[in-house]
Amino acid sequence: AAAGTQSSGAVVLSMLETLLKVTGFVALML
């Protein structure tokens, strides 16, 4: 995003994807 090759929306999507993955892992283990 800083270099202009990705939009700020891509950053938000990456964050949401990571949070979903961590939540999914914790839920799977429990």
PDB file of all heavy atoms in Angstrom:
ATOM      1  N   ALA A   1       0.832  -1.207   0.000  1.00  0.00           N
ATOM      2  CA  ALA A   1       0.000   0.000   0.000  1.00  0.00           C
ATOM      3  C   ALA A   1       0.865   1.254   0.000  1.00  0.00           C
ATOM      4  O   ALA A   1       0.558   2.246  -0.675  1.00  0.00           O
ATOM      5  CB  ALA A   1      -0.930  -0.023   1.217  1.00  0.00           C
ATOM      6  N   ALA A   2       1.965   1.210   0.792  1.00  0.00           N
ATOM      7  CA  ALA A   2       2.865   2.370   0.858  1.00  0.00           C
ATOM      8  C   ALA A   2       3.550   2.614  -0.484  1.00  0.00           C
ATOM      9  O   ALA A   2       3.809   3.761  -0.868  1.00  0.00           O
ATOM     10  CB  ALA A   2       3.907   2.153   1.955  1.00  0.00           C
ATOM     11  N   ALA A   3       3.822   1.509  -1.204  1.00  0.00           N
ATOM     12  CA  ALA A   3       4.483   1.645  -2.501  1.00  0.00           C
ATOM     13  C   ALA A   3       3.483   1.879  -3.631  1.00  0.00           C
ATOM     14  O   ALA A   3       3.871   2.077  -4.791  1.00  0.00           O
ATOM     15  CB  ALA A   3       5.302   0.391  -2.797  1.00  0.00           C
ATOM     16  N   GLY A   4       2.192   1.825  -3.309  1.00  0.00           N
ATOM     17  CA  GLY A   4       1.155   2.049  -4.310  1.00  0.00           C
ATOM     18  C   GLY A   4       0.771   0.823  -5.097  1.00  0.00           C
ATOM     19  O   GLY A   4       0.006   0.914  -6.059  1.00  0.00           O
ATOM     20  N   THR A   5       1.266  -0.355  -4.731  1.00  0.00           N
ATOM     21  CA  THR A   5       0.944  -1.589  -5.464  1.00  0.00           C
ATOM     22  C   THR A   5      -0.275  -2.294  -4.893  1.00  0.00           C
ATOM     23  O   THR A   5      -0.822  -3.194  -5.528  1.00  0.00           O
ATOM     24  CB  THR A   5       2.141  -2.556  -5.424  1.00  0.00           C
ATOM     25  OG1 THR A   5       2.463  -2.856  -4.056  1.00  0.00           O
ATOM     26  CG2 THR A   5       3.346  -1.947  -6.101  1.00  0.00           C
ATOM     27  N   GLN A   6      -0.719  -1.944  -3.658  1.00  0.00           N
ATOM     28  CA  GLN A   6      -1.914  -2.534  -3.046  1.00  0.00           C
ATOM     29  C   GLN A   6      -2.755  -1.429  -2.430  1.00  0.00           C
ATOM     30  O   GLN A   6      -2.238  -0.418  -1.966  1.00  0.00           O
ATOM     31  CB  GLN A   6      -1.538  -3.562  -1.973  1.00  0.00           C
ATOM     32  CG  GLN A   6      -0.981  -4.862  -2.526  1.00  0.00           C
ATOM     33  CD  GLN A   6      -0.893  -5.946  -1.452  1.00  0.00           C
ATOM     34  OE1 GLN A   6      -1.711  -5.989  -0.542  1.00  0.00           O
ATOM     35  NE2 GLN A   6       0.103  -6.807  -1.579  1.00  0.00           N
ATOM     36  N   SER A   7      -4.066  -1.665  -2.400  1.00  0.00           N
ATOM     37  CA  SER A   7      -4.976  -0.679  -1.828  1.00  0.00           C
ATOM     38  C   SER A   7      -5.093  -0.873  -0.327  1.00  0.00           C
ATOM     39  O   SER A   7      -4.719  -1.922   0.216  1.00  0.00           O
ATOM     40  CB  SER A   7      -6.360  -0.827  -2.470  1.00  0.00           C
ATOM     41  OG  SER A   7      -6.926  -2.090  -2.132  1.00  0.00           O
ATOM     42  N   SER A   8      -5.625   0.144   0.338  1.00  0.00           N
ATOM     43  CA  SER A   8      -5.838   0.040   1.788  1.00  0.00           C
ATOM     44  C   SER A   8      -6.875  -1.032   2.111  1.00  0.00           C
ATOM     45  O   SER A   8      -6.859  -1.633   3.182  1.00  0.00           O
ATOM     46  CB  SER A   8      -6.299   1.392   2.349  1.00  0.00           C
ATOM     47  OG  SER A   8      -7.488   1.822   1.687  1.00  0.00           O
ATOM     48  N   GLY A   9      -7.769  -1.296   1.151  1.00  0.00           N
ATOM     49  CA  GLY A   9      -8.759  -2.353   1.354  1.00  0.00           C
ATOM     50  C   GLY A   9      -8.107  -3.717   1.488  1.00  0.00           C
ATOM     51  O   GLY A   9      -8.585  -4.573   2.244  1.00  0.00           O
ATOM     52  N   ALA A  10      -7.022  -3.920   0.754  1.00  0.00           N
ATOM     53  CA  ALA A  10      -6.304  -5.199   0.837  1.00  0.00           C
ATOM     54  C   ALA A  10      -5.704  -5.398   2.224  1.00  0.00           C
ATOM     55  O   ALA A  10      -5.646  -6.522   2.733  1.00  0.00           O
ATOM     56  CB  ALA A  10      -5.197  -5.248  -0.217  1.00  0.00           C
ATOM     57  N   VAL A  11      -5.281  -4.308   2.839  1.00  0.00           N
ATOM     58  CA  VAL A  11      -4.736  -4.394   4.191  1.00  0.00           C
ATOM     59  C   VAL A  11      -5.823  -4.835   5.177  1.00  0.00           C
ATOM     60  O   VAL A  11      -5.616  -5.710   6.020  1.00  0.00           O
ATOM     61  CB  VAL A  11      -4.138  -3.036   4.624  1.00  0.00           C
ATOM     62  CG1 VAL A  11      -3.625  -3.119   6.060  1.00  0.00           C
ATOM     63  CG2 VAL A  11      -3.013  -2.632   3.684  1.00  0.00           C
ATOM     64  N   VAL A  12      -7.002  -4.235   5.051  1.00  0.00           N
ATOM     65  CA  VAL A  12      -8.123  -4.578   5.935  1.00  0.00           C
ATOM     66  C   VAL A  12      -8.529  -6.034   5.745  1.00  0.00           C
ATOM     67  O   VAL A  12      -8.784  -6.770   6.699  1.00  0.00           O
ATOM     68  CB  VAL A  12      -9.322  -3.636   5.690  1.00  0.00           C
ATOM     69  CG1 VAL A  12     -10.521  -4.072   6.524  1.00  0.00           C
ATOM     70  CG2 VAL A  12      -8.936  -2.205   6.001  1.00  0.00           C
ATOM     71  N   LEU A  13      -8.577  -6.466   4.475  1.00  0.00           N
ATOM     72  CA  LEU A  13      -8.940  -7.856   4.189  1.00  0.00           C
ATOM     73  C   LEU A  13      -7.923  -8.830   4.775  1.00  0.00           C
ATOM     74  O   LEU A  13      -8.294  -9.887   5.306  1.00  0.00           O
ATOM     75  CB  LEU A  13      -9.060  -8.067   2.677  1.00  0.00           C
ATOM     76  CG  LEU A  13     -10.315  -7.493   1.999  1.00  0.00           C
ATOM     77  CD1 LEU A  13     -10.244  -7.677   0.488  1.00  0.00           C
ATOM     78  CD2 LEU A  13     -11.567  -8.185   2.556  1.00  0.00           C
ATOM     79  N   SER A  14      -6.639  -8.493   4.680  1.00  0.00           N
ATOM     80  CA  SER A  14      -5.594  -9.351   5.256  1.00  0.00           C
ATOM     81  C   SER A  14      -5.746  -9.473   6.766  1.00  0.00           C
ATOM     82  O   SER A  14      -5.580 -10.559   7.346  1.00  0.00           O
ATOM     83  CB  SER A  14      -4.203  -8.795   4.924  1.00  0.00           C
ATOM     84  OG  SER A  14      -3.962  -8.833   3.550  1.00  0.00           O
ATOM     85  N   MET A  15      -6.081  -8.359   7.421  1.00  0.00           N
ATOM     86  CA  MET A  15      -6.267  -8.378   8.865  1.00  0.00           C
ATOM     87  C   MET A  15      -7.456  -9.262   9.251  1.00  0.00           C
ATOM     88  O   MET A  15      -7.367 -10.087  10.162  1.00  0.00           O
ATOM     89  CB  MET A  15      -6.478  -6.951   9.386  1.00  0.00           C
ATOM     90  CG  MET A  15      -6.632  -6.872  10.901  1.00  0.00           C
ATOM     91  SD  MET A  15      -6.929  -5.184  11.480  1.00  0.00           S
ATOM     92  CE  MET A  15      -5.403  -4.380  11.013  1.00  0.00           C
ATOM     93  N   LEU A  16      -8.580  -9.092   8.530  1.00  0.00           N
ATOM     94  CA  LEU A  16      -9.759  -9.902   8.826  1.00  0.00           C
ATOM     95  C   LEU A  16      -9.500 -11.381   8.573  1.00  0.00           C
ATOM     96  O   LEU A  16      -9.932 -12.243   9.352  1.00  0.00           O
ATOM     97  CB  LEU A  16     -10.935  -9.432   7.961  1.00  0.00           C
ATOM     98  CG  LEU A  16     -11.526  -8.055   8.298  1.00  0.00           C
ATOM     99  CD1 LEU A  16     -12.585  -7.663   7.278  1.00  0.00           C
ATOM    100  CD2 LEU A  16     -12.119  -8.061   9.710  1.00  0.00           C
ATOM    101  N   GLU A  17      -8.762 -11.679   7.510  1.00  0.00           N
ATOM    102  CA  GLU A  17      -8.436 -13.070   7.202  1.00  0.00           C
ATOM    103  C   GLU A  17      -7.593 -13.700   8.302  1.00  0.00           C
ATOM    104  O   GLU A  17      -7.833 -14.836   8.719  1.00  0.00           O
ATOM    105  CB  GLU A  17      -7.688 -13.142   5.862  1.00  0.00           C
ATOM    106  CG  GLU A  17      -7.370 -14.567   5.427  1.00  0.00           C
ATOM    107  CD  GLU A  17      -6.553 -14.599   4.148  1.00  0.00           C
ATOM    108  OE1 GLU A  17      -6.214 -13.518   3.613  1.00  0.00           O
ATOM    109  OE2 GLU A  17      -6.244 -15.705   3.695  1.00  0.00           O
ATOM    110  N   THR A  18      -6.620 -12.946   8.816  1.00  0.00           N
ATOM    111  CA  THR A  18      -5.764 -13.463   9.888  1.00  0.00           C
ATOM    112  C   THR A  18      -6.565 -13.708  11.157  1.00  0.00           C
ATOM    113  O   THR A  18      -6.414 -14.750  11.817  1.00  0.00           O
ATOM    114  CB  THR A  18      -4.631 -12.461  10.179  1.00  0.00           C
ATOM    115  OG1 THR A  18      -3.877 -12.257   8.983  1.00  0.00           O
ATOM    116  CG2 THR A  18      -3.707 -12.991  11.262  1.00  0.00           C
ATOM    117  N   LEU A  19      -7.416 -12.760  11.520  1.00  0.00           N
ATOM    118  CA  LEU A  19      -8.236 -12.919  12.721  1.00  0.00           C
ATOM    119  C   LEU A  19      -9.157 -14.129  12.603  1.00  0.00           C
ATOM    120  O   LEU A  19      -9.338 -14.885  13.564  1.00  0.00           O
ATOM    121  CB  LEU A  19      -9.053 -11.652  12.963  1.00  0.00           C
ATOM    122  CG  LEU A  19      -8.264 -10.416  13.412  1.00  0.00           C
ATOM    123  CD1 LEU A  19      -9.179  -9.196  13.464  1.00  0.00           C
ATOM    124  CD2 LEU A  19      -7.613 -10.650  14.775  1.00  0.00           C
ATOM    125  N   LEU A  20      -9.734 -14.334  11.411  1.00  0.00           N
ATOM    126  CA  LEU A  20     -10.610 -15.486  11.197  1.00  0.00           C
ATOM    127  C   LEU A  20      -9.835 -16.792  11.316  1.00  0.00           C
ATOM    128  O   LEU A  20     -10.323 -17.777  11.886  1.00  0.00           O
ATOM    129  CB  LEU A  20     -11.272 -15.395   9.819  1.00  0.00           C
ATOM    130  CG  LEU A  20     -12.430 -14.393   9.689  1.00  0.00           C
ATOM    131  CD1 LEU A  20     -12.885 -14.281   8.236  1.00  0.00           C
ATOM    132  CD2 LEU A  20     -13.598 -14.817  10.583  1.00  0.00           C
ATOM    133  N   LYS A  21      -8.601 -16.815  10.788  1.00  0.00           N
ATOM    134  CA  LYS A  21      -7.788 -18.029  10.860  1.00  0.00           C
ATOM    135  C   LYS A  21      -7.412 -18.368  12.303  1.00  0.00           C
ATOM    136  O   LYS A  21      -7.496 -19.525  12.725  1.00  0.00           O
ATOM    137  CB  LYS A  21      -6.509 -17.859  10.024  1.00  0.00           C
ATOM    138  CG  LYS A  21      -6.737 -17.983   8.526  1.00  0.00           C
ATOM    139  CD  LYS A  21      -5.426 -17.889   7.776  1.00  0.00           C
ATOM    140  CE  LYS A  21      -5.611 -18.110   6.280  1.00  0.00           C
ATOM    141  NZ  LYS A  21      -4.316 -18.039   5.550  1.00  0.00           N
ATOM    142  N   VAL A  22      -6.992 -17.362  13.064  1.00  0.00           N
ATOM    143  CA  VAL A  22      -6.619 -17.608  14.465  1.00  0.00           C
ATOM    144  C   VAL A  22      -7.839 -18.075  15.258  1.00  0.00           C
ATOM    145  O   VAL A  22      -7.759 -19.030  16.039  1.00  0.00           O
ATOM    146  CB  VAL A  22      -6.021 -16.327  15.093  1.00  0.00           C
ATOM    147  CG1 VAL A  22      -5.827 -16.516  16.598  1.00  0.00           C
ATOM    148  CG2 VAL A  22      -4.685 -15.996  14.440  1.00  0.00           C
ATOM    149  N   THR A  23      -8.974 -17.411  15.038  1.00  0.00           N
ATOM    150  CA  THR A  23     -10.203 -17.815  15.728  1.00  0.00           C
ATOM    151  C   THR A  23     -10.604 -19.238  15.352  1.00  0.00           C
ATOM    152  O   THR A  23     -11.009 -20.039  16.199  1.00  0.00           O
ATOM    153  CB  THR A  23     -11.352 -16.845  15.373  1.00  0.00           C
ATOM    154  OG1 THR A  23     -10.966 -15.513  15.703  1.00  0.00           O
ATOM    155  CG2 THR A  23     -12.612 -17.210  16.137  1.00  0.00           C
ATOM    156  N   GLY A  24     -10.454 -19.568  14.068  1.00  0.00           N
ATOM    157  CA  GLY A  24     -10.775 -20.913  13.612  1.00  0.00           C
ATOM    158  C   GLY A  24      -9.882 -21.960  14.239  1.00  0.00           C
ATOM    159  O   GLY A  24     -10.349 -23.042  14.642  1.00  0.00           O
ATOM    160  N   PHE A  25      -8.590 -21.657  14.362  1.00  0.00           N
ATOM    161  CA  PHE A  25      -7.660 -22.608  14.985  1.00  0.00           C
ATOM    162  C   PHE A  25      -7.997 -22.838  16.454  1.00  0.00           C
ATOM    163  O   PHE A  25      -8.061 -23.985  16.912  1.00  0.00           O
ATOM    164  CB  PHE A  25      -6.217 -22.095  14.848  1.00  0.00           C
ATOM    165  CG  PHE A  25      -5.241 -22.861  15.694  1.00  0.00           C
ATOM    166  CD1 PHE A  25      -4.897 -24.161  15.383  1.00  0.00           C
ATOM    167  CD2 PHE A  25      -4.671 -22.285  16.828  1.00  0.00           C
ATOM    168  CE1 PHE A  25      -4.018 -24.879  16.165  1.00  0.00           C
ATOM    169  CE2 PHE A  25      -3.794 -22.989  17.619  1.00  0.00           C
ATOM    170  CZ  PHE A  25      -3.459 -24.287  17.289  1.00  0.00           C
ATOM    171  N   VAL A  26      -8.230 -21.742  17.185  1.00  0.00           N
ATOM    172  CA  VAL A  26      -8.557 -21.868  18.611  1.00  0.00           C
ATOM    173  C   VAL A  26      -9.856 -22.655  18.793  1.00  0.00           C
ATOM    174  O   VAL A  26      -9.943 -23.552  19.649  1.00  0.00           O
ATOM    175  CB  VAL A  26      -8.671 -20.466  19.262  1.00  0.00           C
ATOM    176  CG1 VAL A  26      -9.175 -20.592  20.695  1.00  0.00           C
ATOM    177  CG2 VAL A  26      -7.317 -19.760  19.240  1.00  0.00           C
ATOM    178  N   ALA A  27     -10.851 -22.369  17.966  1.00  0.00           N
ATOM    179  CA  ALA A  27     -12.126 -23.082  18.062  1.00  0.00           C
ATOM    180  C   ALA A  27     -11.948 -24.560  17.747  1.00  0.00           C
ATOM    181  O   ALA A  27     -12.511 -25.437  18.430  1.00  0.00           O
ATOM    182  CB  ALA A  27     -13.147 -22.457  17.108  1.00  0.00           C
ATOM    183  N   LEU A  28     -11.152 -24.863  16.730  1.00  0.00           N
ATOM    184  CA  LEU A  28     -10.906 -26.259  16.363  1.00  0.00           C
ATOM    185  C   LEU A  28     -10.237 -27.021  17.499  1.00  0.00           C
ATOM    186  O   LEU A  28     -10.615 -28.163  17.815  1.00  0.00           O
ATOM    187  CB  LEU A  28     -10.028 -26.319  15.109  1.00  0.00           C
ATOM    188  CG  LEU A  28      -9.714 -27.727  14.578  1.00  0.00           C
ATOM    189  CD1 LEU A  28     -10.967 -28.389  14.039  1.00  0.00           C
ATOM    190  CD2 LEU A  28      -8.634 -27.658  13.496  1.00  0.00           C
ATOM    191  N   MET A  29      -9.249 -26.390  18.150  1.00  0.00           N
ATOM    192  CA  MET A  29      -8.542 -27.051  19.249  1.00  0.00           C
ATOM    193  C   MET A  29      -9.458 -27.264  20.445  1.00  0.00           C
ATOM    194  O   MET A  29      -9.404 -28.313  21.106  1.00  0.00           O
ATOM    195  CB  MET A  29      -7.325 -26.228  19.659  1.00  0.00           C
ATOM    196  CG  MET A  29      -6.214 -26.211  18.625  1.00  0.00           C
ATOM    197  SD  MET A  29      -5.583 -27.856  18.217  1.00  0.00           S
ATOM    198  CE  MET A  29      -4.894 -28.355  19.787  1.00  0.00           C
ATOM    199  N   LEU A  30     -10.291 -26.280  20.755  1.00  0.00           N
ATOM    200  CA  LEU A  30     -11.149 -26.378  21.938  1.00  0.00           C
ATOM    201  C   LEU A  30     -12.337 -27.309  21.725  1.00  0.00           C
ATOM    202  O   LEU A  30     -12.810 -27.945  22.680  1.00  0.00           O
ATOM    203  CB  LEU A  30     -11.655 -24.980  22.335  1.00  0.00           C
ATOM    204  CG  LEU A  30     -10.588 -23.989  22.810  1.00  0.00           C
ATOM    205  CD1 LEU A  30     -11.228 -22.658  23.171  1.00  0.00           C
ATOM    206  CD2 LEU A  30      -9.813 -24.543  24.002  1.00  0.00           C
TER     207      LEU A  30
END
